[in-house]
């Protein structure tokens, strides 16, 4: 389990997203981040992750200056995206 408490910050602070590559020993380019919230997808893109927004509520995308790599309403779509 990763917690932003260890770096004493919250997302979308880039230090929060840096926890993943450090813990998993992966480069950020090797990681697909799949958040529920659009703002979290934007923070992940700013950090350098590929992103797939799991938009379960069919929310209107926020205008935050970045685009997600993929988006769909459920996790089954995420699996199809990864396996494509």
Protein backbone atom coordinates (compact mmCIF):
# COMPACT_ATOMS: atom_id res chain seq x y z
CA UNK A 1 0.00 0.00 0.00
CA UNK A 2 1.24 3.44 -0.90
CA UNK A 3 0.25 6.54 1.04
CA UNK A 4 0.88 10.20 0.33
CA UNK A 5 1.36 10.54 4.09
CA UNK A 6 4.93 9.32 3.59
CA UNK A 7 5.73 12.40 1.49
CA UNK A 8 3.39 14.68 3.47
CA UNK A 9 1.44 15.90 0.48
CA UNK A 10 -1.69 15.15 -1.54
CA UNK A 11 -2.43 14.57 -5.19
CA UNK A 12 -2.06 16.28 -7.60
CA UNK A 13 1.35 17.13 -6.12
CA UNK A 14 3.88 15.38 -8.35
CA UNK A 15 5.62 13.88 -5.30
CA UNK A 16 2.49 11.84 -4.68
CA UNK A 17 2.62 10.29 -8.15
CA UNK A 18 6.36 9.62 -7.77
CA UNK A 19 5.57 7.08 -5.05
CA UNK A 20 4.51 4.50 -7.64
CA UNK A 21 7.71 4.25 -9.69
CA UNK A 22 9.83 4.32 -6.54
CA UNK A 23 7.90 1.50 -4.86
CA UNK A 24 7.44 -0.63 -7.97
CA UNK A 25 10.88 0.06 -9.44
CA UNK A 26 9.35 1.05 -12.76
CA UNK A 27 9.83 4.10 -14.93
CA UNK A 28 6.81 6.38 -15.11
CA UNK A 29 6.57 5.63 -18.83
CA UNK A 30 5.97 1.95 -17.96
CA UNK A 31 2.96 2.76 -15.79
CA UNK A 32 -0.69 3.09 -16.75
CA UNK A 33 -2.56 5.14 -14.14
CA UNK A 34 -6.31 4.48 -14.00
CA UNK A 35 -8.10 6.98 -11.74
CA UNK A 36 -11.79 7.59 -11.09
CA UNK A 37 -11.44 11.39 -11.03
CA UNK A 38 -10.54 13.53 -14.04
CA UNK A 39 -8.36 15.85 -11.93
CA UNK A 40 -6.36 12.79 -10.80
CA UNK A 41 -5.86 11.75 -14.42
CA UNK A 42 -4.58 15.26 -15.18
CA UNK A 43 -2.12 15.11 -12.27
CA UNK A 44 -0.88 11.72 -13.47
CA UNK A 45 -0.38 13.06 -17.01
CA UNK A 46 1.53 16.08 -15.66
CA UNK A 47 3.78 13.60 -13.86
CA UNK A 48 4.33 11.59 -17.06
CA UNK A 49 2.11 8.54 -16.61
CA UNK A 50 -0.03 7.13 -19.37
CA UNK A 51 -3.60 7.49 -18.16
CA UNK A 52 -6.94 5.79 -18.59
CA UNK A 53 -9.80 7.66 -16.94
CA UNK A 54 -12.35 5.21 -15.53
CA UNK A 55 -15.28 7.62 -15.92
CA UNK A 56 -17.96 5.61 -14.09
CA UNK A 57 -20.29 8.59 -13.76
CA UNK A 58 -20.00 9.70 -17.41
CA UNK A 59 -18.76 13.06 -16.14
CA UNK A 60 -17.92 15.89 -18.49
CA UNK A 61 -14.13 16.13 -18.85
CA UNK A 62 -12.55 19.00 -16.96
CA UNK A 63 -10.39 21.45 -18.94
CA UNK A 64 -7.05 21.08 -17.20
CA UNK A 65 -4.64 21.41 -20.12
CA UNK A 66 -3.91 17.72 -20.67
CA UNK A 67 -5.68 14.85 -22.39
CA UNK A 68 -5.99 11.31 -21.09
CA UNK A 69 -4.79 8.45 -23.27
CA UNK A 70 -8.08 6.59 -22.94
CA UNK A 71 -11.39 6.81 -21.14
CA UNK A 72 -14.45 4.64 -20.64
CA UNK A 73 -17.13 4.05 -18.02
CA UNK A 74 -15.85 0.84 -16.46
CA UNK A 75 -13.00 -1.46 -15.56
CA UNK A 76 -13.90 -3.97 -18.28
CA UNK A 77 -13.07 -1.23 -20.78
CA UNK A 78 -9.75 -0.70 -19.03
CA UNK A 79 -8.88 -4.37 -19.52
CA UNK A 80 -9.73 -4.11 -23.23
CA UNK A 81 -7.61 -0.95 -23.49
CA UNK A 82 -4.61 -2.65 -21.90
CA UNK A 83 -4.91 -5.77 -24.05
CA UNK A 84 -5.31 -3.93 -27.34
